Amino acid sequence: MKKIELLTFKGCQTAIELSRHMANLIAAENIDAEITTIIVPSLEKAIEMGLYGSPTILIDGKEYQKQAVSHPGFY
């Protein structure tokens, strides 16, 4: 089973919509995966974790869209 983690801040509308779309795709394509949403409590924690935006997607622990050219944090 694929482990998908959606890291975001509370109230991020993009993360809410993305989670719904991903769940629909997983169901439609019969993919063996589970989505977990993780709320990152602060900008400081996002920087500490090396996150580059919200939402951040991890698949089996690896970041999907990391952009090393920007500074860590949620924008």
C-alpha atoms as a PDB file:
ATOM      1  CA  MET A   1       0.000   0.000   0.000  1.00  0.00           C
ATOM      2  CA  LYS A   2       1.253   3.488  -0.887  1.00  0.00           C
ATOM      3  CA  LYS A   3       1.340   5.914   2.022  1.00  0.00           C
ATOM      4  CA  ILE A   4       0.429   9.445   0.913  1.00  0.00           C
ATOM      5  CA  GLU A   5       0.836  12.291   3.396  1.00  0.00           C
ATOM      6  CA  LEU A   6      -0.627  15.709   2.697  1.00  0.00           C
ATOM      7  CA  LEU A   7       1.147  18.287   4.881  1.00  0.00           C
ATOM      8  CA  THR A   8      -0.605  21.617   5.179  1.00  0.00           C
ATOM      9  CA  PHE A   9      -1.626  24.435   7.489  1.00  0.00           C
ATOM     10  CA  LYS A  10      -5.076  24.718   9.035  1.00  0.00           C
ATOM     11  CA  GLY A  11      -7.624  26.126   6.598  1.00  0.00           C
ATOM     12  CA  CYS A  12      -5.563  25.710   3.393  1.00  0.00           C
ATOM     13  CA  GLN A  13      -8.312  25.485   0.758  1.00  0.00           C
ATOM     14  CA  THR A  14      -5.933  24.036  -1.827  1.00  0.00           C
ATOM     15  CA  ALA A  15      -5.138  21.112   0.478  1.00  0.00           C
ATOM     16  CA  ILE A  16      -8.830  20.456   1.117  1.00  0.00           C
ATOM     17  CA  GLU A  17      -9.582  20.349  -2.623  1.00  0.00           C
ATOM     18  CA  LEU A  18      -6.450  18.334  -3.427  1.00  0.00           C
ATOM     19  CA  SER A  19      -7.283  15.731  -0.794  1.00  0.00           C
ATOM     20  CA  ARG A  20     -10.753  15.277  -2.258  1.00  0.00           C
ATOM     21  CA  HIS A  21      -9.396  14.958  -5.822  1.00  0.00           C
ATOM     22  CA  MET A  22      -6.715  12.485  -4.759  1.00  0.00           C
ATOM     23  CA  ALA A  23      -9.267  10.344  -2.889  1.00  0.00           C
ATOM     24  CA  ASN A  24     -11.517  10.305  -5.967  1.00  0.00           C
ATOM     25  CA  LEU A  25      -8.598   9.319  -8.224  1.00  0.00           C
ATOM     26  CA  ILE A  26      -7.471   6.550  -5.853  1.00  0.00           C
ATOM     27  CA  ALA A  27     -11.003   5.148  -5.782  1.00  0.00           C
ATOM     28  CA  ALA A  28     -11.574   5.478  -9.548  1.00  0.00           C
ATOM     29  CA  GLU A  29      -8.268   3.840 -10.446  1.00  0.00           C
ATOM     30  CA  ASN A  30      -8.465   1.250  -7.640  1.00  0.00           C
ATOM     31  CA  ILE A  31      -5.026   2.272  -6.351  1.00  0.00           C
ATOM     32  CA  ASP A  32      -3.815   0.669  -3.130  1.00  0.00           C
ATOM     33  CA  ALA A  33      -3.054   3.876  -1.236  1.00  0.00           C
ATOM     34  CA  GLU A  34      -4.035   5.716   1.916  1.00  0.00           C
ATOM     35  CA  ILE A  35      -4.050   9.514   2.346  1.00  0.00           C
ATOM     36  CA  THR A  36      -3.271  11.108   5.689  1.00  0.00           C
ATOM     37  CA  THR A  37      -3.581  14.860   6.225  1.00  0.00           C
ATOM     38  CA  ILE A  38      -1.059  16.344   8.640  1.00  0.00           C
ATOM     39  CA  ILE A  39      -1.615  19.870   9.951  1.00  0.00           C
ATOM     40  CA  VAL A  40       1.696  21.688  10.476  1.00  0.00           C
ATOM     41  CA  PRO A  41       1.087  24.060  13.400  1.00  0.00           C
ATOM     42  CA  SER A  42       3.354  26.984  12.464  1.00  0.00           C
ATOM     43  CA  LEU A  43       5.604  28.576   9.872  1.00  0.00           C
ATOM     44  CA  GLU A  44       8.557  27.825  12.150  1.00  0.00           C
ATOM     45  CA  LYS A  45       7.690  24.104  12.165  1.00  0.00           C
ATOM     46  CA  ALA A  46       7.308  24.137   8.357  1.00  0.00           C
ATOM     47  CA  ILE A  47      10.780  25.674   8.035  1.00  0.00           C
ATOM     48  CA  GLU A  48      12.196  23.173  10.545  1.00  0.00           C
ATOM     49  CA  MET A  49      10.698  20.328   8.497  1.00  0.00           C
ATOM     50  CA  GLY A  50      12.107  21.788   5.251  1.00  0.00           C
ATOM     51  CA  LEU A  51       8.691  22.152   3.630  1.00  0.00           C
ATOM     52  CA  TYR A  52       8.419  24.295   0.505  1.00  0.00           C
ATOM     53  CA  GLY A  53       4.728  25.132   0.350  1.00  0.00           C
ATOM     54  CA  SER A  54       1.228  24.082   1.229  1.00  0.00           C
ATOM     55  CA  PRO A  55       0.144  21.545   0.507  1.00  0.00           C
ATOM     56  CA  THR A  56       3.255  19.391   0.495  1.00  0.00           C
ATOM     57  CA  ILE A  57       2.809  15.822  -0.734  1.00  0.00           C
ATOM     58  CA  LEU A  58       4.904  12.926   0.553  1.00  0.00           C
ATOM     59  CA  ILE A  59       4.572   9.530  -1.105  1.00  0.00           C
ATOM     60  CA  ASP A  60       6.110   6.762   0.959  1.00  0.00           C
ATOM     61  CA  GLY A  61       8.050   9.454   2.840  1.00  0.00           C
ATOM     62  CA  LYS A  62       9.498  11.222  -0.212  1.00  0.00           C
ATOM     63  CA  GLU A  63       8.467  14.746  -1.164  1.00  0.00           C
ATOM     64  CA  TYR A  64       6.688  14.913  -4.499  1.00  0.00           C
ATOM     65  CA  GLN A  65       7.219  18.532  -5.590  1.00  0.00           C
ATOM     66  CA  LYS A  66      10.204  19.875  -3.637  1.00  0.00           C
ATOM     67  CA  GLN A  67      11.554  23.105  -5.103  1.00  0.00           C
ATOM     68  CA  ALA A  68      15.100  23.609  -3.860  1.00  0.00           C
ATOM     69  CA  VAL A  69      15.302  27.055  -5.488  1.00  0.00           C
ATOM     70  CA  SER A  70      12.931  28.596  -2.926  1.00  0.00           C
ATOM     71  CA  HIS A  71      13.230  29.040   0.834  1.00  0.00           C
ATOM     72  CA  PRO A  72      11.490  26.575   3.167  1.00  0.00           C
ATOM     73  CA  GLY A  73       8.159  27.615   4.664  1.00  0.00           C
ATOM     74  CA  PHE A  74       4.513  27.781   3.672  1.00  0.00           C
ATOM     75  CA  TYR A  75       3.346  30.445   1.227  1.00  0.00           C
END
